[in-house]
């Protein structure tokens, strides 16, 4: 088993990946800016990808580093994420790390990718520039309690009696449940067959964003949501509207919406040979997210 560092260990995905890796028998360090406040599993270690000097101590003796960092809440996220990835890749190489696992975004290289998706693709390449083999896992929307994309959908469906959406609402996507995403990530950690490779991961069905909202409404309220599609609604206007009815900040909302006009579906199924798994449909992932939220409320 490997010594694994998980960045973003307190986040939506990292907080679920750490216990999964421990269950698989790995020795796990949970990297956080405030280790004294960390109360999760694994060994907390101080580190900040935006403070290069903190990375070597966190990476010392590590075999595999899982990189789950992005800065969507920053207007200058592209340069900020590129700088952080470069520092992390250099530190990982200097410390003898054997593999970096990175969760990026789906989307074909020949598409006109959004700034968000271009940044994810750039980070993939930068992480490996210093020589550490990168395993890039590309996903679309990850659905689960506490995830930004799911919260955006849930709060819109909860707070609006009807919705007006632009044409991007009919763009196909392939969302994946958080449990499936974590299982795929754990499956490529310390896996020699995954070194230097890119994998596409998704749920069991392809849906449009409009269908995602309709299925969420049916699961939450037992009814369909009246939705009208309009020809023009800019990302800036959409994000300000979303900020009025959800607690997702305007910058993050705009960066997410910018990507919704790009088709993001799985075309390469090679992950099935390496990590065979029966994945959930979007509707099943929604039910799981709602059940997890209810469990959190009852235990609070």
C-alpha atoms as a PDB file:
ATOM      1  CA  UNK A   1       0.000   0.000   0.000  1.00  0.00           C
ATOM      2  CA  UNK A   2       1.068   3.577  -0.646  1.00  0.00           C
ATOM      3  CA  UNK A   3       1.640   6.746   1.318  1.00  0.00           C
ATOM      4  CA  UNK A   4      -0.909   9.152  -0.162  1.00  0.00           C
ATOM      5  CA  UNK A   5      -1.315  12.915   0.216  1.00  0.00           C
ATOM      6  CA  UNK A   6      -4.796  14.286  -0.464  1.00  0.00           C
ATOM      7  CA  UNK A   7      -4.978  18.024  -1.141  1.00  0.00           C
ATOM      8  CA  UNK A   8      -8.301  19.707  -0.481  1.00  0.00           C
ATOM      9  CA  UNK A   9      -8.903  17.083   2.189  1.00  0.00           C
ATOM     10  CA  UNK A  10     -11.674  19.087   3.840  1.00  0.00           C
ATOM     11  CA  UNK A  11     -13.541  19.663   0.576  1.00  0.00           C
ATOM     12  CA  UNK A  12     -16.540  18.039  -1.083  1.00  0.00           C
ATOM     13  CA  UNK A  13     -14.509  15.295  -2.788  1.00  0.00           C
ATOM     14  CA  UNK A  14     -11.416  15.161  -0.601  1.00  0.00           C
ATOM     15  CA  UNK A  15     -13.470  14.697   2.556  1.00  0.00           C
ATOM     16  CA  UNK A  16     -14.928  11.506   1.062  1.00  0.00           C
ATOM     17  CA  UNK A  17     -11.750  10.284  -0.642  1.00  0.00           C
ATOM     18  CA  UNK A  18      -9.580  10.229   2.497  1.00  0.00           C
ATOM     19  CA  UNK A  19     -11.692   7.587   4.319  1.00  0.00           C
ATOM     20  CA  UNK A  20     -12.024   5.564   1.085  1.00  0.00           C
ATOM     21  CA  UNK A  21      -8.238   5.429   0.705  1.00  0.00           C
ATOM     22  CA  UNK A  22      -7.796   4.489   4.353  1.00  0.00           C
ATOM     23  CA  UNK A  23     -10.298   1.676   3.874  1.00  0.00           C
ATOM     24  CA  UNK A  24      -8.198   0.453   0.950  1.00  0.00           C
ATOM     25  CA  UNK A  25      -5.235   0.211   3.323  1.00  0.00           C
ATOM     26  CA  UNK A  26      -3.261   3.296   2.289  1.00  0.00           C
ATOM     27  CA  UNK A  27      -1.405   5.560   4.716  1.00  0.00           C
ATOM     28  CA  UNK A  28      -3.101   8.920   4.144  1.00  0.00           C
ATOM     29  CA  UNK A  29      -2.055  12.485   4.877  1.00  0.00           C
ATOM     30  CA  UNK A  30      -4.826  15.079   4.724  1.00  0.00           C
ATOM     31  CA  UNK A  31      -3.375  18.383   3.530  1.00  0.00           C
ATOM     32  CA  UNK A  32      -5.075  21.478   4.864  1.00  0.00           C
ATOM     33  CA  UNK A  33      -4.115  25.083   5.570  1.00  0.00           C
ATOM     34  CA  UNK A  34      -5.292  24.663   9.181  1.00  0.00           C
ATOM     35  CA  UNK A  35      -4.284  21.191  10.432  1.00  0.00           C
ATOM     36  CA  UNK A  36      -5.038  22.110  14.054  1.00  0.00           C
ATOM     37  CA  UNK A  37      -8.706  22.504  13.137  1.00  0.00           C
ATOM     38  CA  UNK A  38      -8.891  19.262  11.118  1.00  0.00           C
ATOM     39  CA  UNK A  39     -11.088  16.628  12.759  1.00  0.00           C
ATOM     40  CA  UNK A  40     -11.359  14.125   9.897  1.00  0.00           C
ATOM     41  CA  UNK A  41      -9.588  10.802   9.331  1.00  0.00           C
ATOM     42  CA  UNK A  42      -5.976  10.434   8.237  1.00  0.00           C
ATOM     43  CA  UNK A  43      -2.930  12.388   9.391  1.00  0.00           C
ATOM     44  CA  UNK A  44      -3.418  16.153   9.059  1.00  0.00           C
ATOM     45  CA  UNK A  45      -0.526  18.076   7.550  1.00  0.00           C
ATOM     46  CA  UNK A  46      -0.146  21.789   6.870  1.00  0.00           C
ATOM     47  CA  UNK A  47       0.101  22.854   3.254  1.00  0.00           C
ATOM     48  CA  UNK A  48      -1.175  25.479   0.834  1.00  0.00           C
ATOM     49  CA  UNK A  49      -0.701  25.163  -2.941  1.00  0.00           C
ATOM     50  CA  UNK A  50      -0.556  28.963  -3.139  1.00  0.00           C
ATOM     51  CA  UNK A  51       2.371  29.014  -0.689  1.00  0.00           C
ATOM     52  CA  UNK A  52       5.108  26.997  -2.422  1.00  0.00           C
ATOM     53  CA  UNK A  53       7.293  26.834   0.668  1.00  0.00           C
ATOM     54  CA  UNK A  54       4.715  24.746   2.521  1.00  0.00           C
ATOM     55  CA  UNK A  55       4.602  21.930  -0.046  1.00  0.00           C
ATOM     56  CA  UNK A  56       7.895  20.048   0.440  1.00  0.00           C
ATOM     57  CA  UNK A  57       7.215  19.141   4.102  1.00  0.00           C
ATOM     58  CA  UNK A  58       3.726  17.918   3.183  1.00  0.00           C
ATOM     59  CA  UNK A  59       5.028  15.823   0.260  1.00  0.00           C
ATOM     60  CA  UNK A  60       8.103  14.362   1.930  1.00  0.00           C
ATOM     61  CA  UNK A  61       7.963  10.538   1.779  1.00  0.00           C
ATOM     62  CA  UNK A  62       4.736  10.522  -0.231  1.00  0.00           C
ATOM     63  CA  UNK A  63       4.211   7.973  -3.049  1.00  0.00           C
ATOM     64  CA  UNK A  64       0.983   9.364  -4.545  1.00  0.00           C
ATOM     65  CA  UNK A  65      -0.418  12.899  -4.400  1.00  0.00           C
ATOM     66  CA  UNK A  66      -4.080  13.568  -5.196  1.00  0.00           C
ATOM     67  CA  UNK A  67      -4.649  17.100  -6.496  1.00  0.00           C
ATOM     68  CA  UNK A  68      -8.189  18.409  -5.934  1.00  0.00           C
ATOM     69  CA  UNK A  69      -7.589  22.156  -6.071  1.00  0.00           C
ATOM     70  CA  UNK A  70      -9.353  24.836  -8.117  1.00  0.00           C
ATOM     71  CA  UNK A  71     -10.080  28.539  -7.655  1.00  0.00           C
ATOM     72  CA  UNK A  72     -13.433  29.104  -9.349  1.00  0.00           C
ATOM     73  CA  UNK A  73     -14.353  31.774  -6.828  1.00  0.00           C
ATOM     74  CA  UNK A  74     -11.506  33.976  -8.114  1.00  0.00           C
ATOM     75  CA  UNK A  75     -11.776  36.230 -11.183  1.00  0.00           C
ATOM     76  CA  UNK A  76      -8.158  35.426 -12.025  1.00  0.00           C
ATOM     77  CA  UNK A  77      -8.532  31.685 -11.462  1.00  0.00           C
ATOM     78  CA  UNK A  78      -6.672  30.651 -14.648  1.00  0.00           C
ATOM     79  CA  UNK A  79      -3.317  32.208 -13.721  1.00  0.00           C
ATOM     80  CA  UNK A  80      -3.796  31.403 -10.031  1.00  0.00           C
ATOM     81  CA  UNK A  81      -4.432  27.705 -10.705  1.00  0.00           C
ATOM     82  CA  UNK A  82      -1.579  27.482 -13.220  1.00  0.00           C
ATOM     83  CA  UNK A  83       0.896  28.953 -10.747  1.00  0.00           C
ATOM     84  CA  UNK A  84      -0.282  26.603  -7.982  1.00  0.00           C
ATOM     85  CA  UNK A  85      -0.074  23.526 -10.235  1.00  0.00           C
ATOM     86  CA  UNK A  86       3.458  24.420 -11.328  1.00  0.00           C
ATOM     87  CA  UNK A  87       4.634  24.802  -7.726  1.00  0.00           C
ATOM     88  CA  UNK A  88       2.981  21.536  -6.725  1.00  0.00           C
ATOM     89  CA  UNK A  89       4.444  19.584  -9.656  1.00  0.00           C
ATOM     90  CA  UNK A  90       7.947  20.864  -8.919  1.00  0.00           C
ATOM     91  CA  UNK A  91       7.676  20.041  -5.215  1.00  0.00           C
ATOM     92  CA  UNK A  92       6.274  16.583  -5.965  1.00  0.00           C
ATOM     93  CA  UNK A  93       9.182  15.817  -8.312  1.00  0.00           C
ATOM     94  CA  UNK A  94      11.747  17.066  -5.803  1.00  0.00           C
ATOM     95  CA  UNK A  95      10.236  14.827  -3.116  1.00  0.00           C
ATOM     96  CA  UNK A  96      10.234  11.718  -5.301  1.00  0.00           C
ATOM     97  CA  UNK A  97       6.466  11.371  -5.664  1.00  0.00           C
ATOM     98  CA  UNK A  98       5.660   8.527  -8.076  1.00  0.00           C
ATOM     99  CA  UNK A  99       2.169   9.576  -9.208  1.00  0.00           C
ATOM    100  CA  UNK A 100      -0.098  12.623  -9.191  1.00  0.00           C
ATOM    101  CA  UNK A 101      -3.839  11.985  -9.553  1.00  0.00           C
ATOM    102  CA  UNK A 102      -5.816  14.980 -10.786  1.00  0.00           C
ATOM    103  CA  UNK A 103      -9.565  15.475 -11.189  1.00  0.00           C
ATOM    104  CA  UNK A 104     -10.171  17.674 -14.213  1.00  0.00           C
ATOM    105  CA  UNK A 105     -13.069  18.322 -16.581  1.00  0.00           C
ATOM    106  CA  UNK A 106     -14.559  16.489 -19.544  1.00  0.00           C
ATOM    107  CA  UNK A 107     -14.553  18.065 -22.990  1.00  0.00           C
ATOM    108  CA  UNK A 108     -12.797  17.256 -26.245  1.00  0.00           C
ATOM    109  CA  UNK A 109      -9.532  19.042 -27.019  1.00  0.00           C
ATOM    110  CA  UNK A 110     -10.906  20.082 -30.416  1.00  0.00           C
ATOM    111  CA  UNK A 111     -13.901  21.852 -28.837  1.00  0.00           C
ATOM    112  CA  UNK A 112     -14.080  25.571 -28.081  1.00  0.00           C
ATOM    113  CA  UNK A 113     -13.627  25.038 -24.359  1.00  0.00           C
ATOM    114  CA  UNK A 114     -14.702  27.568 -21.732  1.00  0.00           C
ATOM    115  CA  UNK A 115     -12.094  29.318 -19.590  1.00  0.00           C
ATOM    116  CA  UNK A 116     -12.951  26.932 -16.751  1.00  0.00           C
ATOM    117  CA  UNK A 117     -12.410  23.796 -18.862  1.00  0.00           C
ATOM    118  CA  UNK A 118      -9.308  25.240 -20.561  1.00  0.00           C
ATOM    119  CA  UNK A 119      -7.852  25.890 -17.127  1.00  0.00           C
ATOM    120  CA  UNK A 120      -8.557  22.326 -15.993  1.00  0.00           C
ATOM    121  CA  UNK A 121      -6.802  21.009 -19.126  1.00  0.00           C
ATOM    122  CA  UNK A 122      -3.846  23.340 -18.603  1.00  0.00           C
ATOM    123  CA  UNK A 123      -3.441  22.197 -14.996  1.00  0.00           C
ATOM    124  CA  UNK A 124      -3.304  18.564 -16.180  1.00  0.00           C
ATOM    125  CA  UNK A 125      -0.255  19.363 -18.311  1.00  0.00           C
ATOM    126  CA  UNK A 126       1.470  21.687 -15.845  1.00  0.00           C
ATOM    127  CA  UNK A 127       1.317  19.166 -12.994  1.00  0.00           C
ATOM    128  CA  UNK A 128       3.448  16.745 -15.022  1.00  0.00           C
ATOM    129  CA  UNK A 129       5.979  19.216 -16.429  1.00  0.00           C
ATOM    130  CA  UNK A 130       8.550  18.407 -13.743  1.00  0.00           C
ATOM    131  CA  UNK A 131       8.429  14.698 -14.560  1.00  0.00           C
ATOM    132  CA  UNK A 132       5.940  13.065 -12.174  1.00  0.00           C
ATOM    133  CA  UNK A 133       3.480  10.831 -14.092  1.00  0.00           C
ATOM    134  CA  UNK A 134      -0.014  12.310 -13.923  1.00  0.00           C
ATOM    135  CA  UNK A 135      -3.228  10.291 -13.942  1.00  0.00           C
ATOM    136  CA  UNK A 136      -5.883  12.702 -15.184  1.00  0.00           C
ATOM    137  CA  UNK A 137      -9.496  11.865 -14.331  1.00  0.00           C
ATOM    138  CA  UNK A 138     -11.967  13.953 -16.340  1.00  0.00           C
ATOM    139  CA  UNK A 139     -15.539  14.398 -15.107  1.00  0.00           C
ATOM    140  CA  UNK A 140     -18.538  16.623 -15.737  1.00  0.00           C
ATOM    141  CA  UNK A 141     -20.865  17.616 -12.873  1.00  0.00           C
ATOM    142  CA  UNK A 142     -20.222  15.646  -9.671  1.00  0.00           C
ATOM    143  CA  UNK A 143     -23.539  15.158  -7.855  1.00  0.00           C
ATOM    144  CA  UNK A 144     -23.646  14.905  -4.086  1.00  0.00           C
ATOM    145  CA  UNK A 145     -24.680  16.619  -0.883  1.00  0.00           C
ATOM    146  CA  UNK A 146     -22.454  19.660  -0.348  1.00  0.00           C
ATOM    147  CA  UNK A 147     -21.161  19.914  -3.902  1.00  0.00           C
ATOM    148  CA  UNK A 148     -21.421  23.349  -5.550  1.00  0.00           C
ATOM    149  CA  UNK A 149     -22.986  22.111  -8.790  1.00  0.00           C
ATOM    150  CA  UNK A 150     -25.610  20.065  -6.956  1.00  0.00           C
ATOM    151  CA  UNK A 151     -26.348  22.908  -4.529  1.00  0.00           C
ATOM    152  CA  UNK A 152     -26.867  25.211  -7.497  1.00  0.00           C
ATOM    153  CA  UNK A 153     -29.446  22.819  -8.961  1.00  0.00           C
ATOM    154  CA  UNK A 154     -31.102  22.012  -5.632  1.00  0.00           C
ATOM    155  CA  UNK A 155     -31.532  25.612  -4.548  1.00  0.00           C
ATOM    156  CA  UNK A 156     -32.851  26.757  -7.926  1.00  0.00           C
ATOM    157  CA  UNK A 157     -35.432  23.958  -7.925  1.00  0.00           C
ATOM    158  CA  UNK A 158     -36.317  24.613  -4.292  1.00  0.00           C
ATOM    159  CA  UNK A 159     -36.652  28.399  -4.519  1.00  0.00           C
ATOM    160  CA  UNK A 160     -38.225  29.017  -7.917  1.00  0.00           C
ATOM    161  CA  UNK A 161     -41.825  28.162  -8.909  1.00  0.00           C
ATOM    162  CA  UNK A 162     -40.728  28.367 -12.556  1.00  0.00           C
ATOM    163  CA  UNK A 163     -37.490  28.969 -14.429  1.00  0.00           C
ATOM    164  CA  UNK A 164     -36.288  30.826 -17.511  1.00  0.00           C
ATOM    165  CA  UNK A 165     -33.123  29.315 -18.991  1.00  0.00           C
ATOM    166  CA  UNK A 166     -30.908  30.032 -22.021  1.00  0.00           C
ATOM    167  CA  UNK A 167     -30.115  27.638 -24.826  1.00  0.00           C
ATOM    168  CA  UNK A 168     -27.245  26.024 -22.918  1.00  0.00           C
ATOM    169  CA  UNK A 169     -29.899  24.218 -20.876  1.00  0.00           C
ATOM    170  CA  UNK A 170     -30.268  21.683 -23.691  1.00  0.00           C
ATOM    171  CA  UNK A 171     -26.531  20.917 -23.882  1.00  0.00           C
ATOM    172  CA  UNK A 172     -25.793  17.204 -23.198  1.00  0.00           C
ATOM    173  CA  UNK A 173     -23.715  16.333 -20.146  1.00  0.00           C
ATOM    174  CA  UNK A 174     -22.914  13.176 -18.190  1.00  0.00           C
ATOM    175  CA  UNK A 175     -23.071  13.857 -14.438  1.00  0.00           C
ATOM    176  CA  UNK A 176     -21.543  11.415 -11.986  1.00  0.00           C
ATOM    177  CA  UNK A 177     -22.481  10.635  -8.388  1.00  0.00           C
ATOM    178  CA  UNK A 178     -19.941  11.545  -5.731  1.00  0.00           C
ATOM    179  CA  UNK A 179     -19.652   7.908  -4.600  1.00  0.00           C
ATOM    180  CA  UNK A 180     -18.766   6.767  -8.117  1.00  0.00           C
ATOM    181  CA  UNK A 181     -16.274   9.619  -8.609  1.00  0.00           C
ATOM    182  CA  UNK A 182     -14.518   8.766  -5.339  1.00  0.00           C
ATOM    183  CA  UNK A 183     -14.399   5.056  -6.224  1.00  0.00           C
ATOM    184  CA  UNK A 184     -12.760   5.824  -9.569  1.00  0.00           C
ATOM    185  CA  UNK A 185     -10.224   8.149  -7.958  1.00  0.00           C
ATOM    186  CA  UNK A 186      -9.357   5.570  -5.302  1.00  0.00           C
ATOM    187  CA  UNK A 187      -9.095   2.888  -7.975  1.00  0.00           C
ATOM    188  CA  UNK A 188      -6.286   4.612  -9.879  1.00  0.00           C
ATOM    189  CA  UNK A 189      -4.224   5.537  -6.798  1.00  0.00           C
ATOM    190  CA  UNK A 190      -0.974   3.519  -6.735  1.00  0.00           C
ATOM    191  CA  UNK A 191      -2.123   1.657  -9.850  1.00  0.00           C
ATOM    192  CA  UNK A 192       0.780   1.176 -12.275  1.00  0.00           C
ATOM    193  CA  UNK A 193      -1.607   0.753 -15.207  1.00  0.00           C
ATOM    194  CA  UNK A 194      -2.925   4.283 -14.620  1.00  0.00           C
ATOM    195  CA  UNK A 195       0.413   6.102 -14.728  1.00  0.00           C
ATOM    196  CA  UNK A 196       0.571   8.863 -17.311  1.00  0.00           C
ATOM    197  CA  UNK A 197      -2.932   8.156 -18.603  1.00  0.00           C
ATOM    198  CA  UNK A 198      -6.152  10.133 -18.978  1.00  0.00           C
ATOM    199  CA  UNK A 199      -9.537   8.644 -18.103  1.00  0.00           C
ATOM    200  CA  UNK A 200     -13.065   9.929 -18.653  1.00  0.00           C
ATOM    201  CA  UNK A 201     -15.609   9.160 -15.941  1.00  0.00           C
ATOM    202  CA  UNK A 202     -19.359   9.683 -15.863  1.00  0.00           C
ATOM    203  CA  UNK A 203     -22.644   8.328 -14.598  1.00  0.00           C
ATOM    204  CA  UNK A 204     -24.933   5.858 -16.313  1.00  0.00           C
ATOM    205  CA  UNK A 205     -26.877   8.330 -18.464  1.00  0.00           C
ATOM    206  CA  UNK A 206     -26.451  11.397 -20.631  1.00  0.00           C
ATOM    207  CA  UNK A 207     -28.879  14.195 -19.854  1.00  0.00           C
ATOM    208  CA  UNK A 208     -29.289  17.880 -20.622  1.00  0.00           C
ATOM    209  CA  UNK A 209     -29.119  20.526 -17.908  1.00  0.00           C
ATOM    210  CA  UNK A 210     -32.836  21.055 -18.393  1.00  0.00           C
ATOM    211  CA  UNK A 211     -33.468  17.335 -17.801  1.00  0.00           C
ATOM    212  CA  UNK A 212     -31.271  17.458 -14.705  1.00  0.00           C
ATOM    213  CA  UNK A 213     -33.423  20.214 -13.210  1.00  0.00           C
ATOM    214  CA  UNK A 214     -36.639  18.406 -14.142  1.00  0.00           C
ATOM    215  CA  UNK A 215     -35.485  15.147 -12.553  1.00  0.00           C
ATOM    216  CA  UNK A 216     -34.332  17.003  -9.436  1.00  0.00           C
ATOM    217  CA  UNK A 217     -37.762  18.704  -9.202  1.00  0.00           C
ATOM    218  CA  UNK A 218     -39.526  15.357  -9.524  1.00  0.00           C
ATOM    219  CA  UNK A 219     -37.410  13.819  -6.773  1.00  0.00           C
ATOM    220  CA  UNK A 220     -37.700  16.850  -4.467  1.00  0.00           C
ATOM    221  CA  UNK A 221     -41.327  17.869  -5.033  1.00  0.00           C
ATOM    222  CA  UNK A 222     -42.939  15.022  -6.963  1.00  0.00           C
ATOM    223  CA  UNK A 223     -43.694  17.325  -9.892  1.00  0.00           C
ATOM    224  CA  UNK A 224     -42.102  18.835 -12.966  1.00  0.00           C
ATOM    225  CA  UNK A 225     -40.838  22.404 -12.928  1.00  0.00           C
ATOM    226  CA  UNK A 226     -42.239  24.857 -15.510  1.00  0.00           C
ATOM    227  CA  UNK A 227     -39.191  25.884 -17.563  1.00  0.00           C
ATOM    228  CA  UNK A 228     -39.058  28.289 -20.512  1.00  0.00           C
ATOM    229  CA  UNK A 229     -36.039  28.366 -22.819  1.00  0.00           C
ATOM    230  CA  UNK A 230     -35.046  31.773 -24.231  1.00  0.00           C
ATOM    231  CA  UNK A 231     -32.593  32.503 -27.071  1.00  0.00           C
ATOM    232  CA  UNK A 232     -30.292  34.863 -25.157  1.00  0.00           C
ATOM    233  CA  UNK A 233     -29.320  34.997 -21.502  1.00  0.00           C
ATOM    234  CA  UNK A 234     -25.657  35.889 -20.968  1.00  0.00           C
ATOM    235  CA  UNK A 235     -23.487  34.083 -18.377  1.00  0.00           C
ATOM    236  CA  UNK A 236     -23.065  37.372 -16.512  1.00  0.00           C
ATOM    237  CA  UNK A 237     -26.790  37.974 -16.288  1.00  0.00           C
ATOM    238  CA  UNK A 238     -27.451  34.325 -15.438  1.00  0.00           C
ATOM    239  CA  UNK A 239     -24.892  34.386 -12.628  1.00  0.00           C
ATOM    240  CA  UNK A 240     -26.342  37.544 -11.076  1.00  0.00           C
ATOM    241  CA  UNK A 241     -29.811  36.011 -11.228  1.00  0.00           C
ATOM    242  CA  UNK A 242     -28.514  32.812  -9.616  1.00  0.00           C
ATOM    243  CA  UNK A 243     -26.846  34.826  -6.840  1.00  0.00           C
ATOM    244  CA  UNK A 244     -30.265  36.276  -5.955  1.00  0.00           C
ATOM    245  CA  UNK A 245     -31.899  32.896  -5.351  1.00  0.00           C
ATOM    246  CA  UNK A 246     -28.988  30.696  -4.179  1.00  0.00           C
ATOM    247  CA  UNK A 247     -26.005  31.090  -1.859  1.00  0.00           C
ATOM    248  CA  UNK A 248     -23.519  30.373  -4.680  1.00  0.00           C
ATOM    249  CA  UNK A 249     -21.356  33.471  -5.218  1.00  0.00           C
ATOM    250  CA  UNK A 250     -21.573  35.322  -8.523  1.00  0.00           C
ATOM    251  CA  UNK A 251     -17.994  34.615  -9.649  1.00  0.00           C
ATOM    252  CA  UNK A 252     -18.268  30.866  -9.109  1.00  0.00           C
ATOM    253  CA  UNK A 253     -21.702  30.770 -10.761  1.00  0.00           C
ATOM    254  CA  UNK A 254     -20.446  32.637 -13.842  1.00  0.00           C
ATOM    255  CA  UNK A 255     -17.410  30.361 -14.231  1.00  0.00           C
ATOM    256  CA  UNK A 256     -19.633  27.279 -14.003  1.00  0.00           C
ATOM    257  CA  UNK A 257     -22.270  28.659 -16.391  1.00  0.00           C
ATOM    258  CA  UNK A 258     -19.572  29.556 -18.948  1.00  0.00           C
ATOM    259  CA  UNK A 259     -18.907  25.815 -19.306  1.00  0.00           C
ATOM    260  CA  UNK A 260     -22.525  24.759 -19.741  1.00  0.00           C
ATOM    261  CA  UNK A 261     -22.587  25.503 -23.462  1.00  0.00           C
ATOM    262  CA  UNK A 262     -19.908  22.819 -23.994  1.00  0.00           C
ATOM    263  CA  UNK A 263     -20.968  19.197 -24.463  1.00  0.00           C
ATOM    264  CA  UNK A 264     -19.215  17.151 -21.775  1.00  0.00           C
ATOM    265  CA  UNK A 265     -19.860  13.421 -22.154  1.00  0.00           C
ATOM    266  CA  UNK A 266     -17.756  10.273 -21.874  1.00  0.00           C
ATOM    267  CA  UNK A 267     -16.375   9.036 -25.204  1.00  0.00           C
ATOM    268  CA  UNK A 268     -13.467   6.959 -23.887  1.00  0.00           C
ATOM    269  CA  UNK A 269     -14.518   4.045 -21.674  1.00  0.00           C
ATOM    270  CA  UNK A 270     -11.042   2.681 -20.871  1.00  0.00           C
ATOM    271  CA  UNK A 271     -11.599   3.294 -17.136  1.00  0.00           C
ATOM    272  CA  UNK A 272     -14.025   0.341 -17.209  1.00  0.00           C
ATOM    273  CA  UNK A 273     -11.118  -2.055 -17.811  1.00  0.00           C
ATOM    274  CA  UNK A 274      -9.104  -0.656 -14.923  1.00  0.00           C
ATOM    275  CA  UNK A 275     -11.851   0.082 -12.367  1.00  0.00           C
ATOM    276  CA  UNK A 276     -14.980  -1.926 -13.299  1.00  0.00           C
ATOM    277  CA  UNK A 277     -18.061  -0.391 -11.671  1.00  0.00           C
ATOM    278  CA  UNK A 278     -21.838  -0.205 -12.027  1.00  0.00           C
ATOM    279  CA  UNK A 279     -22.401   3.542 -11.787  1.00  0.00           C
ATOM    280  CA  UNK A 280     -25.574   5.343 -10.726  1.00  0.00           C
ATOM    281  CA  UNK A 281     -27.944   7.218 -13.007  1.00  0.00           C
ATOM    282  CA  UNK A 282     -28.428  10.935 -12.435  1.00  0.00           C
ATOM    283  CA  UNK A 283     -31.785  10.328 -10.758  1.00  0.00           C
ATOM    284  CA  UNK A 284     -30.229   7.781  -8.385  1.00  0.00           C
ATOM    285  CA  UNK A 285     -27.441  10.240  -7.557  1.00  0.00           C
ATOM    286  CA  UNK A 286     -30.051  12.913  -6.774  1.00  0.00           C
ATOM    287  CA  UNK A 287     -31.865  10.546  -4.411  1.00  0.00           C
ATOM    288  CA  UNK A 288     -28.561   9.725  -2.684  1.00  0.00           C
ATOM    289  CA  UNK A 289     -27.751  13.432  -2.278  1.00  0.00           C
ATOM    290  CA  UNK A 290     -31.187  14.132  -0.788  1.00  0.00           C
ATOM    291  CA  UNK A 291     -30.877  11.173   1.593  1.00  0.00           C
ATOM    292  CA  UNK A 292     -27.425  12.344   2.721  1.00  0.00           C
ATOM    293  CA  UNK A 293     -28.772  15.849   3.351  1.00  0.00           C
ATOM    294  CA  UNK A 294     -31.644  14.454   5.408  1.00  0.00           C
ATOM    295  CA  UNK A 295     -29.240  12.313   7.429  1.00  0.00           C
ATOM    296  CA  UNK A 296     -27.057  15.364   8.104  1.00  0.00           C
ATOM    297  CA  UNK A 297     -30.076  17.341   9.283  1.00  0.00           C
ATOM    298  CA  UNK A 298     -31.280  14.600  11.612  1.00  0.00           C
ATOM    299  CA  UNK A 299     -27.837  14.133  13.191  1.00  0.00           C
ATOM    300  CA  UNK A 300     -27.233  17.857  13.701  1.00  0.00           C
END
